[in-house]
Amino acid sequence: MLHIYCPHCGEFREEEEFHVKGQAHIARPLDPDACTDEEWGEYLYFRKNPRGKHHELWVHSAGCRKFFNVTRDTQTYEIQEVYLIGELPQQALQGAEK
């Protein structure tokens, strides 16, 4: 069982209190009315499904009901980082420094 840290509540809770909502950091089109059907379909339905490190959007559904981001290894299920929406993951920042 995973124990997930909620950055809003400030404590670790059991995974049953949370739900994953998919890939994090997906930019909404600036002008949806100007999108072609193909562009809109790409935005709505196509997501990365990598093996290894993945940034995901989670919600503390049985707690504070707030959203946050998680960096998780999809092979080992290890949670590497939890951070607020609007922030960049530290792992991405470390990669930029090299």
N, C-alpha and C. Protein backbone atom coordinates (compact mmCIF):
# COMPACT_ATOMS: atom_id res chain seq x y z
N MET A 1 0.85 -1.18 0.00
CA MET A 1 0.00 0.00 0.00
C MET A 1 0.89 1.24 0.00
N LEU A 2 0.52 2.19 -0.82
CA LEU A 2 1.25 3.46 -0.87
C LEU A 2 0.78 4.38 0.25
N HIS A 3 1.70 5.16 0.76
CA HIS A 3 1.36 6.26 1.66
C HIS A 3 1.76 7.52 0.91
N ILE A 4 0.79 8.37 0.69
CA ILE A 4 0.97 9.55 -0.15
C ILE A 4 0.91 10.80 0.72
N TYR A 5 1.85 11.69 0.48
CA TYR A 5 1.89 12.96 1.21
C TYR A 5 0.99 13.97 0.51
N CYS A 6 0.05 14.55 1.25
CA CYS A 6 -0.80 15.61 0.70
C CYS A 6 -0.15 16.96 1.04
N PRO A 7 0.27 17.72 0.03
CA PRO A 7 0.92 19.00 0.32
C PRO A 7 -0.03 20.05 0.91
N HIS A 8 -1.33 19.83 0.79
CA HIS A 8 -2.30 20.77 1.35
C HIS A 8 -2.60 20.45 2.81
N CYS A 9 -2.76 19.16 3.12
CA CYS A 9 -3.04 18.75 4.51
C CYS A 9 -1.76 18.68 5.34
N GLY A 10 -0.64 18.42 4.66
CA GLY A 10 0.64 18.36 5.35
C GLY A 10 0.91 17.06 6.08
N GLU A 11 0.33 15.96 5.60
CA GLU A 11 0.58 14.68 6.26
C GLU A 11 0.46 13.54 5.26
N PHE A 12 1.04 12.38 5.62
CA PHE A 12 0.95 11.18 4.81
C PHE A 12 -0.37 10.48 5.10
N ARG A 13 -1.02 10.00 4.06
CA ARG A 13 -2.29 9.29 4.20
C ARG A 13 -2.25 8.05 3.31
N GLU A 14 -3.14 7.10 3.57
CA GLU A 14 -3.19 5.88 2.77
C GLU A 14 -3.74 6.16 1.38
N GLU A 15 -3.31 5.35 0.43
CA GLU A 15 -3.65 5.59 -0.98
C GLU A 15 -5.14 5.56 -1.29
N GLU A 16 -5.95 4.89 -0.46
CA GLU A 16 -7.39 4.83 -0.70
C GLU A 16 -8.06 6.20 -0.64
N GLU A 17 -7.40 7.17 -0.03
CA GLU A 17 -7.95 8.52 0.08
C GLU A 17 -7.72 9.35 -1.18
N PHE A 18 -6.93 8.83 -2.13
CA PHE A 18 -6.52 9.59 -3.30
C PHE A 18 -6.97 8.92 -4.59
N HIS A 19 -7.06 9.71 -5.64
CA HIS A 19 -7.33 9.20 -6.98
C HIS A 19 -6.38 9.89 -7.96
N VAL A 20 -5.81 9.11 -8.84
CA VAL A 20 -4.97 9.67 -9.89
C VAL A 20 -5.89 10.16 -11.01
N LYS A 21 -5.60 11.31 -11.56
CA LYS A 21 -6.45 11.91 -12.60
C LYS A 21 -5.76 11.98 -13.95
N GLY A 22 -4.56 11.41 -14.06
CA GLY A 22 -3.89 11.37 -15.36
C GLY A 22 -2.62 12.17 -15.39
N GLN A 23 -2.16 12.41 -16.58
CA GLN A 23 -0.89 13.11 -16.82
C GLN A 23 -0.97 14.56 -16.34
N ALA A 24 0.09 15.01 -15.71
CA ALA A 24 0.18 16.41 -15.24
C ALA A 24 0.79 17.29 -16.34
N HIS A 25 0.67 18.57 -16.17
CA HIS A 25 1.30 19.59 -17.02
C HIS A 25 0.80 19.56 -18.47
N ILE A 26 -0.49 19.37 -18.66
CA ILE A 26 -1.06 19.41 -20.00
C ILE A 26 -1.63 20.81 -20.21
N ALA A 27 -1.09 21.50 -21.20
CA ALA A 27 -1.51 22.88 -21.46
C ALA A 27 -2.78 22.89 -22.30
N ARG A 28 -3.78 23.59 -21.83
CA ARG A 28 -5.03 23.75 -22.58
C ARG A 28 -4.75 24.66 -23.77
N PRO A 29 -5.35 24.39 -24.92
CA PRO A 29 -5.16 25.27 -26.08
C PRO A 29 -5.59 26.71 -25.74
N LEU A 30 -4.82 27.67 -26.21
CA LEU A 30 -5.11 29.07 -25.91
C LEU A 30 -6.44 29.52 -26.51
N ASP A 31 -6.74 29.05 -27.71
CA ASP A 31 -8.00 29.40 -28.36
C ASP A 31 -8.69 28.12 -28.83
N PRO A 32 -9.47 27.47 -27.95
CA PRO A 32 -10.10 26.20 -28.32
C PRO A 32 -10.99 26.29 -29.55
N ASP A 33 -11.62 27.45 -29.77
CA ASP A 33 -12.50 27.60 -30.93
C ASP A 33 -11.73 27.56 -32.25
N ALA A 34 -10.45 27.88 -32.21
CA ALA A 34 -9.64 27.89 -33.42
C ALA A 34 -8.96 26.54 -33.68
N CYS A 35 -9.10 25.59 -32.76
CA CYS A 35 -8.47 24.27 -32.93
C CYS A 35 -9.20 23.44 -33.98
N THR A 36 -8.43 22.67 -34.71
CA THR A 36 -9.04 21.71 -35.61
C THR A 36 -9.55 20.53 -34.78
N ASP A 37 -10.37 19.69 -35.37
CA ASP A 37 -10.84 18.50 -34.66
C ASP A 37 -9.68 17.62 -34.23
N GLU A 38 -8.67 17.52 -35.09
CA GLU A 38 -7.50 16.70 -34.77
C GLU A 38 -6.74 17.28 -33.56
N GLU A 39 -6.53 18.59 -33.54
CA GLU A 39 -5.84 19.23 -32.40
C GLU A 39 -6.64 19.08 -31.11
N TRP A 40 -7.94 19.26 -31.19
CA TRP A 40 -8.79 19.15 -30.00
C TRP A 40 -8.80 17.71 -29.49
N GLY A 41 -8.89 16.75 -30.41
CA GLY A 41 -8.85 15.34 -30.03
C GLY A 41 -7.52 14.96 -29.39
N GLU A 42 -6.44 15.50 -29.93
CA GLU A 42 -5.11 15.26 -29.35
C GLU A 42 -5.05 15.77 -27.91
N TYR A 43 -5.58 16.97 -27.68
CA TYR A 43 -5.60 17.54 -26.33
C TYR A 43 -6.46 16.71 -25.38
N LEU A 44 -7.62 16.30 -25.81
CA LEU A 44 -8.56 15.61 -24.94
C LEU A 44 -8.19 14.16 -24.63
N TYR A 45 -7.68 13.43 -25.62
CA TYR A 45 -7.61 11.98 -25.48
C TYR A 45 -6.22 11.36 -25.45
N PHE A 46 -5.23 12.02 -25.99
CA PHE A 46 -3.93 11.38 -26.11
C PHE A 46 -3.01 11.81 -24.98
N ARG A 47 -2.50 10.79 -24.25
CA ARG A 47 -1.62 11.04 -23.11
C ARG A 47 -0.40 10.13 -23.21
N LYS A 48 0.66 10.57 -22.59
CA LYS A 48 1.86 9.74 -22.51
C LYS A 48 1.61 8.63 -21.50
N ASN A 49 2.20 7.49 -21.75
CA ASN A 49 2.11 6.36 -20.83
C ASN A 49 3.50 5.72 -20.72
N PRO A 50 4.45 6.46 -20.13
CA PRO A 50 5.83 6.00 -20.15
C PRO A 50 6.10 4.90 -19.12
N ARG A 51 7.14 4.18 -19.37
CA ARG A 51 7.67 3.25 -18.39
C ARG A 51 8.77 4.02 -17.66
N GLY A 52 8.60 4.18 -16.35
CA GLY A 52 9.58 4.92 -15.57
C GLY A 52 8.95 6.19 -14.98
N LYS A 53 9.73 7.24 -14.91
CA LYS A 53 9.30 8.48 -14.27
C LYS A 53 8.15 9.13 -15.05
N HIS A 54 7.11 9.53 -14.30
CA HIS A 54 5.92 10.12 -14.92
C HIS A 54 5.33 11.15 -13.95
N HIS A 55 4.96 12.31 -14.49
CA HIS A 55 4.32 13.36 -13.68
C HIS A 55 2.81 13.19 -13.80
N GLU A 56 2.14 13.06 -12.66
CA GLU A 56 0.70 12.78 -12.64
C GLU A 56 -0.06 13.80 -11.80
N LEU A 57 -1.31 13.99 -12.14
CA LEU A 57 -2.23 14.83 -11.39
C LEU A 57 -3.04 13.94 -10.45
N TRP A 58 -3.05 14.27 -9.16
CA TRP A 58 -3.78 13.49 -8.16
C TRP A 58 -4.73 14.41 -7.40
N VAL A 59 -5.76 13.81 -6.79
CA VAL A 59 -6.70 14.55 -5.95
C VAL A 59 -6.85 13.80 -4.63
N HIS A 60 -6.89 14.54 -3.54
CA HIS A 60 -7.11 13.97 -2.21
C HIS A 60 -8.63 13.89 -2.01
N SER A 61 -9.25 12.91 -2.64
CA SER A 61 -10.70 12.84 -2.74
C SER A 61 -11.40 12.55 -1.42
N ALA A 62 -10.77 11.84 -0.51
CA ALA A 62 -11.40 11.54 0.78
C ALA A 62 -10.85 12.42 1.90
N GLY A 63 -10.18 13.49 1.51
CA GLY A 63 -9.60 14.41 2.48
C GLY A 63 -9.99 15.84 2.14
N CYS A 64 -9.00 16.64 1.82
CA CYS A 64 -9.22 18.06 1.57
C CYS A 64 -9.83 18.33 0.18
N ARG A 65 -9.85 17.31 -0.70
CA ARG A 65 -10.41 17.40 -2.05
C ARG A 65 -9.64 18.37 -2.96
N LYS A 66 -8.39 18.60 -2.67
CA LYS A 66 -7.57 19.49 -3.49
C LYS A 66 -6.65 18.67 -4.39
N PHE A 67 -6.29 19.28 -5.52
CA PHE A 67 -5.43 18.64 -6.50
C PHE A 67 -3.98 19.00 -6.25
N PHE A 68 -3.09 18.10 -6.66
CA PHE A 68 -1.65 18.32 -6.59
C PHE A 68 -0.98 17.38 -7.59
N ASN A 69 0.32 17.56 -7.79
CA ASN A 69 1.07 16.73 -8.73
C ASN A 69 2.00 15.78 -8.00
N VAL A 70 2.24 14.64 -8.64
CA VAL A 70 3.11 13.61 -8.10
C VAL A 70 4.05 13.16 -9.22
N THR A 71 5.33 12.99 -8.90
CA THR A 71 6.26 12.34 -9.81
C THR A 71 6.42 10.92 -9.29
N ARG A 72 6.06 9.94 -10.14
CA ARG A 72 6.03 8.55 -9.71
C ARG A 72 6.70 7.67 -10.76
N ASP A 73 7.40 6.66 -10.31
CA ASP A 73 7.98 5.67 -11.21
C ASP A 73 6.91 4.63 -11.49
N THR A 74 6.52 4.49 -12.74
CA THR A 74 5.42 3.59 -13.09
C THR A 74 5.83 2.12 -13.05
N GLN A 75 7.12 1.82 -12.97
CA GLN A 75 7.56 0.44 -12.85
C GLN A 75 7.60 -0.02 -11.39
N THR A 76 8.07 0.84 -10.50
CA THR A 76 8.24 0.46 -9.10
C THR A 76 7.15 1.03 -8.21
N TYR A 77 6.33 1.92 -8.71
CA TYR A 77 5.29 2.66 -7.98
C TYR A 77 5.87 3.62 -6.95
N GLU A 78 7.18 3.78 -6.91
CA GLU A 78 7.81 4.68 -5.96
C GLU A 78 7.43 6.13 -6.26
N ILE A 79 6.94 6.81 -5.25
CA ILE A 79 6.64 8.23 -5.39
C ILE A 79 7.92 9.00 -5.10
N GLN A 80 8.38 9.73 -6.09
CA GLN A 80 9.65 10.42 -5.97
C GLN A 80 9.50 11.86 -5.49
N GLU A 81 8.31 12.43 -5.73
CA GLU A 81 8.11 13.84 -5.39
C GLU A 81 6.63 14.18 -5.40
N VAL A 82 6.23 15.05 -4.51
CA VAL A 82 4.88 15.60 -4.46
C VAL A 82 5.03 17.12 -4.47
N TYR A 83 4.27 17.80 -5.32
CA TYR A 83 4.39 19.25 -5.42
C TYR A 83 3.05 19.85 -5.84
N LEU A 84 2.89 21.13 -5.57
CA LEU A 84 1.64 21.83 -5.85
C LEU A 84 1.48 22.14 -7.33
N ILE A 85 0.26 22.26 -7.76
CA ILE A 85 -0.04 22.66 -9.13
C ILE A 85 0.49 24.08 -9.33
N GLY A 86 1.10 24.31 -10.46
CA GLY A 86 1.69 25.61 -10.75
C GLY A 86 3.18 25.64 -10.47
N GLU A 87 3.66 24.66 -9.72
CA GLU A 87 5.09 24.55 -9.44
C GLU A 87 5.72 23.58 -10.43
N LEU A 88 7.02 23.73 -10.67
CA LEU A 88 7.75 22.77 -11.49
C LEU A 88 8.31 21.70 -10.57
N PRO A 89 8.37 20.47 -11.04
CA PRO A 89 8.97 19.41 -10.22
C PRO A 89 10.46 19.66 -10.04
N GLN A 90 10.98 19.36 -8.87
CA GLN A 90 12.41 19.54 -8.59
C GLN A 90 13.26 18.71 -9.53
N GLN A 91 12.78 17.53 -9.92
CA GLN A 91 13.54 16.68 -10.81
C GLN A 91 13.71 17.33 -12.18
N ALA A 92 12.72 18.05 -12.64
CA ALA A 92 12.82 18.76 -13.91
C ALA A 92 13.82 19.91 -13.78
N LEU A 93 13.81 20.57 -12.63
CA LEU A 93 14.75 21.67 -12.39
C LEU A 93 16.18 21.14 -12.32
N GLN A 94 16.38 19.98 -11.70
CA GLN A 94 17.71 19.39 -11.60
C GLN A 94 18.24 19.02 -12.98
N GLY A 95 17.33 18.51 -13.83
CA GLY A 95 17.73 18.16 -15.20
C GLY A 95 18.12 19.37 -16.01
N ALA A 96 17.51 20.54 -15.72
CA ALA A 96 17.80 21.77 -16.45
C ALA A 96 19.16 22.35 -16.05
N GLU A 97 19.62 22.02 -14.84
CA GLU A 97 20.89 22.58 -14.35
C GLU A 97 22.09 21.90 -14.97
N LYS A 98 21.92 20.69 -15.48
CA LYS A 98 23.07 19.92 -16.01
C LYS A 98 23.58 20.47 -17.30
